[in-house]
Amino acid sequence: NLPVGIDNFEVMIQKDYYYFDKTGLIKEILESGTSSIFVNGDSQEHGIALNVMDNAGHVTEALARFAIDTTPPVINVSYDNNSSQGMYYANNRTATVTIIEKNFNPNDVRLRGVNVGLNWVSSGDVHTAYIPFTEDGTYNWGLEYTDMAGNAGQGYSSGEFVIDKTAPVVDVTWDNNDARNGNYYKNVRTATIT
């Protein structure tokens, strides 16, 4: 609540330094106790500084910082190994995850399908992490990210793929090993292949 008879009233938004008609704001505050300032656009690091002096000379100052962010984050995923037989990969794969976002918070990245911790490296608005797939197995993973203003990026889903670095092992056993003259068998022989 601001006192009646405000004499000195200033509002400015830092960075772009918007100035407002203090007469209109004073009238709103005197009539309702509050006033609103409309700010739009997609810009960062605003601050509203409010200085109020009553008729007795008491000064109150307040500063509120905020950002207007209407741009959703951009999520990109690429791999270092795209050589496959359909969905089967004979070698390791590493996914490179890139999120482009001004107001990035790594704790808001939601990863599913893999149990790894992401170590983010940031350069300006570009944030990068790596996910290695080095164990034989079937993978189907994805991630979502919503920025601090509530803008959701288009999530990523890998689809199913298989890492299979292990060559097959073939073993043949025989039920009859009674050979004559090296390779000649009198009776029937059955091979079991595993």
N, C-alpha and C. Protein backbone atom coordinates (compact mmCIF):
# COMPACT_ATOMS: atom_id res chain seq x y z
N ASN A 1 0.84 -1.19 0.00
CA ASN A 1 0.00 0.00 0.00
C ASN A 1 0.88 1.24 0.00
N LEU A 2 0.63 2.09 -0.95
CA LEU A 2 1.40 3.31 -1.05
C LEU A 2 0.59 4.46 -0.49
N PRO A 3 1.23 5.41 0.16
CA PRO A 3 0.49 6.50 0.80
C PRO A 3 -0.14 7.44 -0.22
N VAL A 4 -1.23 8.06 0.21
CA VAL A 4 -1.92 9.04 -0.63
C VAL A 4 -1.03 10.27 -0.75
N GLY A 5 -1.10 10.93 -1.90
CA GLY A 5 -0.35 12.15 -2.09
C GLY A 5 1.06 11.89 -2.56
N ILE A 6 1.26 10.82 -3.34
CA ILE A 6 2.59 10.52 -3.85
C ILE A 6 3.06 11.67 -4.73
N ASP A 7 4.24 12.14 -4.44
CA ASP A 7 4.78 13.28 -5.15
C ASP A 7 5.85 12.87 -6.16
N ASN A 8 6.64 11.87 -5.79
CA ASN A 8 7.77 11.48 -6.61
C ASN A 8 7.62 9.99 -6.94
N PHE A 9 7.37 9.65 -8.20
CA PHE A 9 7.06 8.28 -8.58
C PHE A 9 7.73 8.00 -9.92
N GLU A 10 8.63 7.02 -9.97
CA GLU A 10 9.31 6.68 -11.22
C GLU A 10 9.27 5.18 -11.45
N VAL A 11 9.03 4.78 -12.67
CA VAL A 11 9.13 3.38 -13.06
C VAL A 11 9.96 3.33 -14.32
N MET A 12 10.96 2.47 -14.34
CA MET A 12 11.71 2.27 -15.57
C MET A 12 12.05 0.80 -15.69
N ILE A 13 12.13 0.33 -16.90
CA ILE A 13 12.55 -1.04 -17.14
C ILE A 13 13.98 -0.96 -17.67
N GLN A 14 14.90 -1.57 -16.93
CA GLN A 14 16.31 -1.53 -17.33
C GLN A 14 16.50 -2.26 -18.65
N LYS A 15 17.54 -1.99 -19.29
CA LYS A 15 17.97 -2.49 -20.59
C LYS A 15 17.39 -1.62 -21.69
N ASP A 16 16.07 -1.62 -21.85
CA ASP A 16 15.47 -0.77 -22.88
C ASP A 16 14.99 0.56 -22.30
N TYR A 17 14.98 0.69 -21.02
CA TYR A 17 14.60 1.91 -20.31
C TYR A 17 13.27 2.49 -20.79
N TYR A 18 12.22 1.75 -20.48
CA TYR A 18 10.88 2.25 -20.76
C TYR A 18 10.49 3.22 -19.65
N TYR A 19 9.93 4.33 -20.01
CA TYR A 19 9.42 5.27 -19.02
C TYR A 19 7.91 5.37 -19.19
N PHE A 20 7.21 5.51 -18.08
CA PHE A 20 5.76 5.52 -18.10
C PHE A 20 5.24 6.82 -17.55
N ASP A 21 4.03 7.13 -17.97
CA ASP A 21 3.36 8.34 -17.49
C ASP A 21 3.02 8.16 -16.02
N LYS A 22 3.74 8.88 -15.16
CA LYS A 22 3.53 8.66 -13.73
C LYS A 22 2.17 9.16 -13.26
N THR A 23 1.57 10.09 -13.97
CA THR A 23 0.25 10.58 -13.55
C THR A 23 -0.79 9.47 -13.64
N GLY A 24 -0.76 8.69 -14.74
CA GLY A 24 -1.71 7.59 -14.89
C GLY A 24 -1.48 6.50 -13.87
N LEU A 25 -0.22 6.19 -13.61
CA LEU A 25 0.08 5.16 -12.62
C LEU A 25 -0.32 5.61 -11.22
N ILE A 26 -0.04 6.85 -10.89
CA ILE A 26 -0.41 7.36 -9.57
C ILE A 26 -1.92 7.28 -9.38
N LYS A 27 -2.68 7.62 -10.40
CA LYS A 27 -4.15 7.58 -10.29
C LYS A 27 -4.61 6.16 -10.01
N GLU A 28 -4.07 5.18 -10.75
CA GLU A 28 -4.45 3.78 -10.53
C GLU A 28 -4.11 3.34 -9.11
N ILE A 29 -2.91 3.69 -8.65
CA ILE A 29 -2.50 3.28 -7.31
C ILE A 29 -3.35 3.94 -6.25
N LEU A 30 -3.65 5.21 -6.41
CA LEU A 30 -4.47 5.91 -5.42
C LEU A 30 -5.88 5.35 -5.38
N GLU A 31 -6.42 4.96 -6.53
CA GLU A 31 -7.79 4.45 -6.58
C GLU A 31 -7.90 2.99 -6.14
N SER A 32 -6.94 2.13 -6.54
CA SER A 32 -7.09 0.70 -6.26
C SER A 32 -5.97 0.10 -5.40
N GLY A 33 -4.90 0.84 -5.21
CA GLY A 33 -3.78 0.32 -4.44
C GLY A 33 -2.78 -0.44 -5.27
N THR A 34 -3.08 -0.68 -6.56
CA THR A 34 -2.16 -1.39 -7.44
C THR A 34 -2.16 -0.73 -8.81
N SER A 35 -1.16 -1.09 -9.59
CA SER A 35 -1.10 -0.64 -10.98
C SER A 35 -0.39 -1.73 -11.77
N SER A 36 -0.64 -1.78 -13.06
CA SER A 36 -0.03 -2.77 -13.94
C SER A 36 0.76 -2.08 -15.03
N ILE A 37 1.84 -2.72 -15.42
CA ILE A 37 2.65 -2.24 -16.52
C ILE A 37 2.75 -3.38 -17.52
N PHE A 38 2.34 -3.14 -18.76
CA PHE A 38 2.35 -4.17 -19.78
C PHE A 38 3.68 -4.11 -20.53
N VAL A 39 4.37 -5.26 -20.58
CA VAL A 39 5.63 -5.37 -21.31
C VAL A 39 5.50 -6.60 -22.18
N ASN A 40 5.87 -6.49 -23.47
CA ASN A 40 5.78 -7.66 -24.34
C ASN A 40 7.06 -7.84 -25.12
N GLY A 41 7.08 -8.85 -25.99
CA GLY A 41 8.27 -9.14 -26.78
C GLY A 41 8.96 -10.37 -26.24
N ASP A 42 10.03 -10.75 -26.88
CA ASP A 42 10.81 -11.90 -26.45
C ASP A 42 12.20 -11.39 -26.13
N SER A 43 12.36 -10.90 -24.93
CA SER A 43 13.65 -10.32 -24.55
C SER A 43 14.00 -10.75 -23.14
N GLN A 44 15.24 -10.61 -22.82
CA GLN A 44 15.76 -11.17 -21.58
C GLN A 44 16.23 -10.08 -20.63
N GLU A 45 16.36 -10.45 -19.38
CA GLU A 45 17.04 -9.66 -18.37
C GLU A 45 16.46 -8.26 -18.20
N HIS A 46 15.17 -8.22 -18.00
CA HIS A 46 14.52 -6.95 -17.67
C HIS A 46 14.60 -6.72 -16.17
N GLY A 47 14.44 -5.49 -15.79
CA GLY A 47 14.33 -5.15 -14.38
C GLY A 47 13.44 -3.93 -14.25
N ILE A 48 12.55 -3.97 -13.30
CA ILE A 48 11.70 -2.80 -13.02
C ILE A 48 12.18 -2.20 -11.71
N ALA A 49 12.58 -0.95 -11.77
CA ALA A 49 13.01 -0.23 -10.56
C ALA A 49 11.90 0.75 -10.20
N LEU A 50 11.45 0.70 -8.96
CA LEU A 50 10.38 1.55 -8.48
C LEU A 50 10.89 2.37 -7.31
N ASN A 51 10.83 3.67 -7.46
CA ASN A 51 11.21 4.58 -6.38
C ASN A 51 9.98 5.40 -6.01
N VAL A 52 9.62 5.39 -4.75
CA VAL A 52 8.43 6.11 -4.28
C VAL A 52 8.83 6.99 -3.09
N MET A 53 8.40 8.26 -3.13
CA MET A 53 8.65 9.16 -2.01
C MET A 53 7.31 9.74 -1.57
N ASP A 54 7.02 9.63 -0.28
CA ASP A 54 5.76 10.22 0.21
C ASP A 54 5.98 11.69 0.55
N ASN A 55 4.90 12.35 1.00
CA ASN A 55 4.96 13.79 1.29
C ASN A 55 5.90 14.11 2.44
N ALA A 56 6.20 13.13 3.28
CA ALA A 56 7.10 13.38 4.41
C ALA A 56 8.56 13.17 4.01
N GLY A 57 8.81 12.73 2.75
CA GLY A 57 10.17 12.54 2.29
C GLY A 57 10.71 11.14 2.48
N HIS A 58 9.89 10.20 2.94
CA HIS A 58 10.33 8.81 3.07
C HIS A 58 10.39 8.17 1.68
N VAL A 59 11.51 7.51 1.41
CA VAL A 59 11.72 6.90 0.10
C VAL A 59 11.74 5.38 0.23
N THR A 60 11.02 4.73 -0.66
CA THR A 60 11.04 3.27 -0.76
C THR A 60 11.47 2.90 -2.16
N GLU A 61 12.38 1.95 -2.23
CA GLU A 61 12.85 1.48 -3.53
C GLU A 61 12.61 -0.02 -3.64
N ALA A 62 12.27 -0.47 -4.83
CA ALA A 62 12.09 -1.90 -5.09
C ALA A 62 12.60 -2.20 -6.50
N LEU A 63 13.16 -3.38 -6.66
CA LEU A 63 13.65 -3.81 -7.96
C LEU A 63 13.16 -5.23 -8.21
N ALA A 64 12.54 -5.43 -9.35
CA ALA A 64 12.08 -6.77 -9.74
C ALA A 64 12.71 -7.10 -11.08
N ARG A 65 13.37 -8.25 -11.15
CA ARG A 65 13.98 -8.69 -12.40
C ARG A 65 13.11 -9.78 -13.02
N PHE A 66 13.04 -9.79 -14.35
CA PHE A 66 12.25 -10.80 -15.04
C PHE A 66 12.73 -10.91 -16.48
N ALA A 67 12.30 -11.97 -17.14
CA ALA A 67 12.60 -12.18 -18.56
C ALA A 67 11.31 -12.56 -19.27
N ILE A 68 11.19 -12.13 -20.48
CA ILE A 68 10.07 -12.55 -21.33
C ILE A 68 10.66 -13.52 -22.34
N ASP A 69 10.18 -14.76 -22.29
CA ASP A 69 10.72 -15.81 -23.15
C ASP A 69 9.55 -16.52 -23.81
N THR A 70 9.32 -16.24 -25.08
CA THR A 70 8.22 -16.88 -25.81
C THR A 70 8.73 -17.91 -26.81
N THR A 71 10.04 -18.11 -26.84
CA THR A 71 10.65 -19.02 -27.82
C THR A 71 10.88 -20.39 -27.21
N PRO A 72 10.31 -21.44 -27.79
CA PRO A 72 10.55 -22.78 -27.25
C PRO A 72 11.99 -23.22 -27.51
N PRO A 73 12.54 -24.06 -26.63
CA PRO A 73 13.88 -24.59 -26.85
C PRO A 73 13.91 -25.49 -28.09
N VAL A 74 15.07 -25.57 -28.72
CA VAL A 74 15.27 -26.44 -29.89
C VAL A 74 16.13 -27.61 -29.44
N ILE A 75 15.62 -28.83 -29.66
CA ILE A 75 16.32 -30.06 -29.27
C ILE A 75 16.80 -30.78 -30.53
N ASN A 76 18.09 -31.08 -30.59
CA ASN A 76 18.66 -31.84 -31.70
C ASN A 76 19.43 -33.03 -31.15
N VAL A 77 19.32 -34.17 -31.84
CA VAL A 77 20.08 -35.37 -31.47
C VAL A 77 20.72 -35.93 -32.74
N SER A 78 22.01 -36.21 -32.66
CA SER A 78 22.71 -36.86 -33.76
C SER A 78 23.58 -37.98 -33.19
N TYR A 79 24.01 -38.88 -34.08
CA TYR A 79 24.82 -40.03 -33.66
C TYR A 79 26.13 -40.06 -34.43
N ASP A 80 27.16 -40.61 -33.80
CA ASP A 80 28.45 -40.76 -34.47
C ASP A 80 28.51 -42.02 -35.32
N ASN A 81 27.58 -42.96 -35.13
CA ASN A 81 27.57 -44.22 -35.89
C ASN A 81 26.17 -44.45 -36.42
N ASN A 82 26.03 -44.33 -37.74
CA ASN A 82 24.73 -44.59 -38.38
C ASN A 82 24.82 -45.77 -39.33
N SER A 83 25.88 -46.56 -39.20
CA SER A 83 26.09 -47.73 -40.05
C SER A 83 25.41 -48.94 -39.42
N SER A 84 24.33 -49.40 -40.04
CA SER A 84 23.54 -50.48 -39.43
C SER A 84 23.02 -51.45 -40.48
N GLN A 85 22.55 -52.56 -40.00
CA GLN A 85 21.77 -53.52 -40.77
C GLN A 85 20.36 -53.40 -40.24
N GLY A 86 19.58 -52.51 -40.82
CA GLY A 86 18.26 -52.23 -40.27
C GLY A 86 18.42 -51.52 -38.94
N MET A 87 17.93 -52.13 -37.89
CA MET A 87 18.03 -51.53 -36.56
C MET A 87 19.21 -52.07 -35.75
N TYR A 88 20.07 -52.88 -36.37
CA TYR A 88 21.18 -53.55 -35.68
C TYR A 88 22.51 -52.84 -35.98
N TYR A 89 23.23 -52.51 -34.90
CA TYR A 89 24.52 -51.83 -35.00
C TYR A 89 25.59 -52.74 -34.42
N ALA A 90 26.66 -52.97 -35.18
CA ALA A 90 27.72 -53.88 -34.77
C ALA A 90 28.78 -53.19 -33.90
N ASN A 91 28.67 -51.87 -33.74
CA ASN A 91 29.66 -51.12 -32.97
C ASN A 91 28.96 -50.13 -32.04
N ASN A 92 29.75 -49.57 -31.14
CA ASN A 92 29.21 -48.56 -30.21
C ASN A 92 28.59 -47.40 -30.97
N ARG A 93 27.67 -46.72 -30.29
CA ARG A 93 27.06 -45.49 -30.80
C ARG A 93 27.08 -44.47 -29.68
N THR A 94 27.31 -43.21 -30.04
CA THR A 94 27.19 -42.12 -29.07
C THR A 94 26.22 -41.10 -29.62
N ALA A 95 25.22 -40.76 -28.80
CA ALA A 95 24.27 -39.72 -29.18
C ALA A 95 24.78 -38.38 -28.67
N THR A 96 24.75 -37.36 -29.53
CA THR A 96 25.08 -36.00 -29.14
C THR A 96 23.76 -35.25 -29.03
N VAL A 97 23.46 -34.80 -27.81
CA VAL A 97 22.21 -34.07 -27.55
C VAL A 97 22.54 -32.58 -27.45
N THR A 98 21.85 -31.77 -28.23
CA THR A 98 22.05 -30.32 -28.20
C THR A 98 20.71 -29.65 -27.93
N ILE A 99 20.70 -28.76 -26.95
CA ILE A 99 19.52 -27.95 -26.66
C ILE A 99 19.92 -26.49 -26.81
N ILE A 100 19.18 -25.78 -27.64
CA ILE A 100 19.42 -24.35 -27.84
C ILE A 100 18.36 -23.60 -27.04
N GLU A 101 18.83 -22.86 -26.01
CA GLU A 101 17.91 -22.18 -25.10
C GLU A 101 18.66 -21.11 -24.31
N LYS A 102 18.10 -19.93 -24.23
CA LYS A 102 18.71 -18.82 -23.47
C LYS A 102 18.68 -19.11 -21.96
N ASN A 103 17.52 -19.53 -21.46
CA ASN A 103 17.33 -19.75 -20.01
C ASN A 103 17.36 -21.24 -19.71
N PHE A 104 18.53 -21.86 -19.84
CA PHE A 104 18.66 -23.32 -19.71
C PHE A 104 18.88 -23.73 -18.27
N ASN A 105 18.13 -24.75 -17.86
CA ASN A 105 18.32 -25.36 -16.55
C ASN A 105 18.46 -26.87 -16.78
N PRO A 106 19.65 -27.43 -16.62
CA PRO A 106 19.86 -28.85 -16.92
C PRO A 106 19.00 -29.78 -16.07
N ASN A 107 18.57 -29.32 -14.91
CA ASN A 107 17.73 -30.16 -14.04
C ASN A 107 16.33 -30.37 -14.62
N ASP A 108 15.96 -29.58 -15.63
CA ASP A 108 14.63 -29.71 -16.23
C ASP A 108 14.61 -30.65 -17.43
N VAL A 109 15.76 -31.22 -17.81
CA VAL A 109 15.81 -32.18 -18.91
C VAL A 109 15.28 -33.51 -18.39
N ARG A 110 14.26 -34.06 -19.05
CA ARG A 110 13.67 -35.34 -18.65
C ARG A 110 14.11 -36.42 -19.65
N LEU A 111 14.91 -37.34 -19.15
CA LEU A 111 15.47 -38.41 -19.96
C LEU A 111 14.72 -39.70 -19.63
N ARG A 112 14.39 -40.49 -20.65
CA ARG A 112 13.71 -41.76 -20.41
C ARG A 112 14.35 -42.87 -21.24
N GLY A 113 14.32 -44.07 -20.72
CA GLY A 113 14.81 -45.23 -21.46
C GLY A 113 16.27 -45.55 -21.27
N VAL A 114 17.03 -44.64 -20.68
CA VAL A 114 18.44 -44.90 -20.37
C VAL A 114 18.73 -44.34 -18.99
N ASN A 115 19.60 -45.02 -18.29
CA ASN A 115 19.93 -44.61 -16.93
C ASN A 115 21.35 -44.05 -16.90
N VAL A 116 21.48 -42.80 -17.36
CA VAL A 116 22.79 -42.13 -17.37
C VAL A 116 22.63 -40.73 -16.82
N GLY A 117 23.69 -40.22 -16.26
CA GLY A 117 23.73 -38.82 -15.86
C GLY A 117 24.29 -38.00 -17.01
N LEU A 118 23.66 -36.89 -17.30
CA LEU A 118 24.12 -36.05 -18.41
C LEU A 118 25.05 -34.96 -17.88
N ASN A 119 26.19 -34.82 -18.49
CA ASN A 119 27.13 -33.74 -18.16
C ASN A 119 27.05 -32.71 -19.28
N TRP A 120 26.47 -31.57 -18.98
CA TRP A 120 26.22 -30.54 -19.99
C TRP A 120 27.42 -29.61 -20.11
N VAL A 121 27.74 -29.27 -21.35
CA VAL A 121 28.75 -28.26 -21.66
C VAL A 121 28.01 -27.15 -22.39
N SER A 122 28.13 -25.92 -21.89
CA SER A 122 27.39 -24.79 -22.46
C SER A 122 28.33 -23.80 -23.13
N SER A 123 27.86 -23.30 -24.27
CA SER A 123 28.54 -22.23 -24.98
C SER A 123 27.47 -21.25 -25.43
N GLY A 124 27.28 -20.19 -24.66
CA GLY A 124 26.20 -19.25 -24.96
C GLY A 124 24.86 -19.94 -24.75
N ASP A 125 24.03 -19.91 -25.77
CA ASP A 125 22.69 -20.52 -25.70
C ASP A 125 22.68 -21.98 -26.14
N VAL A 126 23.84 -22.55 -26.48
CA VAL A 126 23.93 -23.93 -26.97
C VAL A 126 24.48 -24.82 -25.85
N HIS A 127 23.72 -25.87 -25.51
CA HIS A 127 24.06 -26.76 -24.40
C HIS A 127 24.14 -28.19 -24.95
N THR A 128 25.26 -28.88 -24.68
CA THR A 128 25.52 -30.17 -25.31
C THR A 128 25.86 -31.22 -24.26
N ALA A 129 25.34 -32.44 -24.47
CA ALA A 129 25.66 -33.59 -23.63
C ALA A 129 25.77 -34.82 -24.54
N TYR A 130 26.44 -35.85 -24.03
CA TYR A 130 26.68 -37.06 -24.81
C TYR A 130 26.13 -38.27 -24.07
N ILE A 131 25.53 -39.20 -24.83
CA ILE A 131 25.02 -40.44 -24.26
C ILE A 131 25.67 -41.60 -25.02
N PRO A 132 26.56 -42.35 -24.35
CA PRO A 132 27.21 -43.49 -25.04
C PRO A 132 26.35 -44.75 -24.93
N PHE A 133 26.30 -45.51 -26.02
CA PHE A 133 25.65 -46.81 -26.04
C PHE A 133 26.75 -47.82 -26.35
N THR A 134 27.29 -48.46 -25.30
CA THR A 134 28.47 -49.32 -25.46
C THR A 134 28.20 -50.77 -25.08
N GLU A 135 27.07 -51.04 -24.49
CA GLU A 135 26.74 -52.41 -24.07
C GLU A 135 25.79 -53.05 -25.07
N ASP A 136 25.98 -54.34 -25.32
CA ASP A 136 25.02 -55.06 -26.16
C ASP A 136 23.64 -54.96 -25.52
N GLY A 137 22.64 -54.67 -26.32
CA GLY A 137 21.29 -54.59 -25.79
C GLY A 137 20.37 -53.84 -26.74
N THR A 138 19.10 -53.83 -26.38
CA THR A 138 18.07 -53.12 -27.14
C THR A 138 17.79 -51.80 -26.44
N TYR A 139 17.77 -50.73 -27.21
CA TYR A 139 17.56 -49.39 -26.66
C TYR A 139 16.38 -48.72 -27.34
N ASN A 140 15.65 -47.97 -26.55
CA ASN A 140 14.58 -47.12 -27.05
C ASN A 140 14.47 -45.98 -26.05
N TRP A 141 15.04 -44.84 -26.35
CA TRP A 141 15.16 -43.77 -25.38
C TRP A 141 14.61 -42.46 -25.95
N GLY A 142 14.49 -41.49 -25.08
CA GLY A 142 14.03 -40.18 -25.52
C GLY A 142 14.26 -39.14 -24.45
N LEU A 143 13.97 -37.89 -24.83
CA LEU A 143 14.07 -36.82 -23.84
C LEU A 143 13.11 -35.70 -24.19
N GLU A 144 12.75 -34.95 -23.15
CA GLU A 144 11.90 -33.76 -23.28
C GLU A 144 12.56 -32.65 -22.48
N TYR A 145 12.28 -31.43 -22.88
CA TYR A 145 12.78 -30.28 -22.13
C TYR A 145 11.78 -29.14 -22.23
N THR A 146 11.46 -28.56 -21.07
CA THR A 146 10.62 -27.37 -20.98
C THR A 146 11.43 -26.30 -20.28
N ASP A 147 11.50 -25.10 -20.89
CA ASP A 147 12.34 -24.06 -20.31
C ASP A 147 11.69 -23.42 -19.09
N MET A 148 12.38 -22.50 -18.46
CA MET A 148 11.92 -21.91 -17.20
C MET A 148 10.68 -21.06 -17.37
N ALA A 149 10.34 -20.67 -18.61
CA ALA A 149 9.13 -19.90 -18.87
C ALA A 149 7.95 -20.81 -19.21
N GLY A 150 8.19 -22.13 -19.28
CA GLY A 150 7.12 -23.07 -19.59
C GLY A 150 7.00 -23.41 -21.06
N ASN A 151 7.93 -22.97 -21.90
CA ASN A 151 7.92 -23.31 -23.32
C ASN A 151 8.53 -24.70 -23.50
N ALA A 152 7.76 -25.60 -24.11
CA ALA A 152 8.22 -26.98 -24.30
C ALA A 152 8.85 -27.12 -25.68
N GLY A 153 10.04 -27.73 -25.71
CA GLY A 153 10.67 -28.06 -26.98
C GLY A 153 10.04 -29.31 -27.55
N GLN A 154 10.23 -29.53 -28.85
CA GLN A 154 9.73 -30.76 -29.46
C GLN A 154 10.61 -31.89 -28.99
N GLY A 155 10.04 -32.83 -28.25
CA GLY A 155 10.80 -33.92 -27.66
C GLY A 155 11.44 -34.82 -28.70
N TYR A 156 12.31 -35.68 -28.24
CA TYR A 156 13.01 -36.62 -29.12
C TYR A 156 12.72 -38.04 -28.67
N SER A 157 12.49 -38.92 -29.64
CA SER A 157 12.35 -40.35 -29.38
C SER A 157 13.22 -41.10 -30.38
N SER A 158 14.09 -41.99 -29.89
CA SER A 158 15.07 -42.65 -30.75
C SER A 158 14.46 -43.72 -31.64
N GLY A 159 13.36 -44.32 -31.20
CA GLY A 159 12.92 -45.55 -31.84
C GLY A 159 13.84 -46.67 -31.38
N GLU A 160 13.42 -47.89 -31.61
CA GLU A 160 14.19 -49.03 -31.10
C GLU A 160 15.40 -49.31 -31.98
N PHE A 161 16.56 -49.54 -31.33
CA PHE A 161 17.74 -50.01 -32.03
C PHE A 161 18.50 -50.97 -31.12
N VAL A 162 19.37 -51.78 -31.74
CA VAL A 162 20.08 -52.83 -31.01
C VAL A 162 21.58 -52.66 -31.23
N ILE A 163 22.33 -52.68 -30.13
CA ILE A 163 23.79 -52.76 -30.20
C ILE A 163 24.14 -54.24 -30.02
N ASP A 164 24.81 -54.80 -31.03
CA ASP A 164 25.20 -56.22 -30.98
C ASP A 164 26.63 -56.32 -31.50
N LYS A 165 27.59 -56.27 -30.57
CA LYS A 165 29.01 -56.32 -30.92
C LYS A 165 29.57 -57.73 -30.79
N THR A 166 28.76 -58.68 -30.36
CA THR A 166 29.23 -60.04 -30.09
C THR A 166 28.99 -60.93 -31.30
N ALA A 167 30.05 -61.51 -31.84
CA ALA A 167 29.93 -62.44 -32.97
C ALA A 167 29.25 -63.73 -32.50
N PRO A 168 28.46 -64.34 -33.36
CA PRO A 168 27.83 -65.60 -32.96
C PRO A 168 28.87 -66.71 -32.78
N VAL A 169 28.58 -67.62 -31.85
CA VAL A 169 29.46 -68.77 -31.59
C VAL A 169 28.72 -70.02 -32.04
N VAL A 170 29.35 -70.81 -32.91
CA VAL A 170 28.75 -72.05 -33.42
C VAL A 170 29.53 -73.23 -32.87
N ASP A 171 28.79 -74.19 -32.33
CA ASP A 171 29.42 -75.39 -31.78
C ASP A 171 28.72 -76.61 -32.37
N VAL A 172 29.50 -77.57 -32.87
CA VAL A 172 28.95 -78.80 -33.44
C VAL A 172 29.45 -79.99 -32.62
N THR A 173 28.50 -80.80 -32.18
CA THR A 173 28.85 -82.04 -31.47
C THR A 173 28.20 -83.22 -32.20
N TRP A 174 28.84 -84.39 -32.09
CA TRP A 174 28.36 -85.61 -32.77
C TRP A 174 28.02 -86.68 -31.74
N ASP A 175 27.02 -87.48 -32.08
CA ASP A 175 26.64 -88.57 -31.17
C ASP A 175 27.45 -89.84 -31.45
N ASN A 176 28.15 -89.90 -32.58
CA ASN A 176 28.94 -91.09 -32.94
C ASN A 176 30.33 -90.61 -33.35
N ASN A 177 31.30 -90.96 -32.53
CA ASN A 177 32.68 -90.57 -32.82
C ASN A 177 33.57 -91.79 -33.11
N ASP A 178 32.93 -92.91 -33.49
CA ASP A 178 33.66 -94.16 -33.74
C ASP A 178 34.07 -94.23 -35.21
N ALA A 179 35.17 -93.59 -35.54
CA ALA A 179 35.63 -93.54 -36.94
C ALA A 179 36.64 -94.64 -37.21
N ARG A 180 36.65 -95.11 -38.47
CA ARG A 180 37.63 -96.08 -38.92
C ARG A 180 38.46 -95.42 -40.02
N ASN A 181 39.70 -95.69 -40.03
CA ASN A 181 40.60 -95.12 -41.03
C ASN A 181 40.49 -93.59 -41.11
N GLY A 182 40.30 -92.94 -39.99
CA GLY A 182 40.29 -91.48 -39.91
C GLY A 182 38.93 -90.84 -40.05
N ASN A 183 38.21 -91.05 -41.16
CA ASN A 183 36.96 -90.33 -41.39
C ASN A 183 35.81 -91.23 -41.83
N TYR A 184 35.88 -92.53 -41.60
CA TYR A 184 34.85 -93.44 -42.08
C TYR A 184 34.06 -94.00 -40.91
N TYR A 185 32.73 -93.89 -41.03
CA TYR A 185 31.84 -94.33 -39.95
C TYR A 185 30.94 -95.44 -40.47
N LYS A 186 30.82 -96.49 -39.73
CA LYS A 186 29.99 -97.62 -40.11
C LYS A 186 28.52 -97.32 -39.82
N ASN A 187 28.26 -96.62 -38.72
CA ASN A 187 26.87 -96.37 -38.32
C ASN A 187 26.49 -94.90 -38.60
N VAL A 188 25.18 -94.66 -38.53
CA VAL A 188 24.63 -93.30 -38.73
C VAL A 188 25.19 -92.36 -37.68
N ARG A 189 25.37 -91.13 -38.12
CA ARG A 189 25.92 -90.08 -37.24
C ARG A 189 24.94 -88.90 -37.20
N THR A 190 24.71 -88.34 -36.02
CA THR A 190 23.83 -87.16 -35.90
C THR A 190 24.64 -86.01 -35.32
N ALA A 191 24.56 -84.87 -36.00
CA ALA A 191 25.26 -83.66 -35.55
C ALA A 191 24.27 -82.78 -34.79
N THR A 192 24.72 -82.25 -33.68
CA THR A 192 23.94 -81.25 -32.93
C THR A 192 24.67 -79.92 -33.04
N ILE A 193 23.96 -78.94 -33.59
CA ILE A 193 24.56 -77.62 -33.82
C ILE A 193 23.94 -76.63 -32.84
N THR A 194 24.78 -75.94 -32.08
CA THR A 194 24.30 -74.90 -31.17
C THR A 194 25.05 -73.62 -31.44
